Amino acid sequence: MKAPSCLLPIYLIVAALVGGCGNKDEKPTAATEQARKPAEPLASEAQKAVGTAVNETKETAAKVAAETKEAAAKAVDEVGKQADAATAKPQGFIDQAKSYVAEKKYQEALSSLKQLSNVKLTPDQQKVVDDLKVQIQKLMASQAGSDATKAAGSLLERK
């Protein structure tokens, strides 16, 4: 984007040539006419250079805008993927805990749920985790009661 800094001298030359110097009411002399003739092609060239610089600047700005939009779109996609991964990871632990409950491996199920303690869960996921914990505790308590009953029964049978 160096074009604007290069244009300043051209703008000054064009302004000087187009604006002219001196009083407008004076009639041009032969000397001013001769000086103006070589200046006219320079002014024309300066205007062309300014036009070219403006077009190049517009093209560069359009390219930068397109690249910026593309980079922003990629960033949004990446953030979306990371959010999906962050949601999928806790769901994997929840699913694993459910499978452990189905296999009656309650300690493993609780261990799986404990791995979610530092993870931010959605409200739905948090409800599922809380419900699973309650269910696991009830199942563990009933299993402990059942084991105690069996143990007491086997003691009574020995006598």
Foldseek 3Di string as FASTA:
>chain_A
DCLVVVLVVLVVLLCCLVVDDDDPPDDDDPVVVVVNVVSVVVNVVSVVSVVVSVVVVVVVVVVVVVVVVVVVVVVVVVVVVVVVVLQVVLVVLLVVLVVCVVVVNLVVSVVSLVVCPPRDYDPVSVVSSVVSVVVSVVSVVVVVVVVVVVVVVVVVVVD
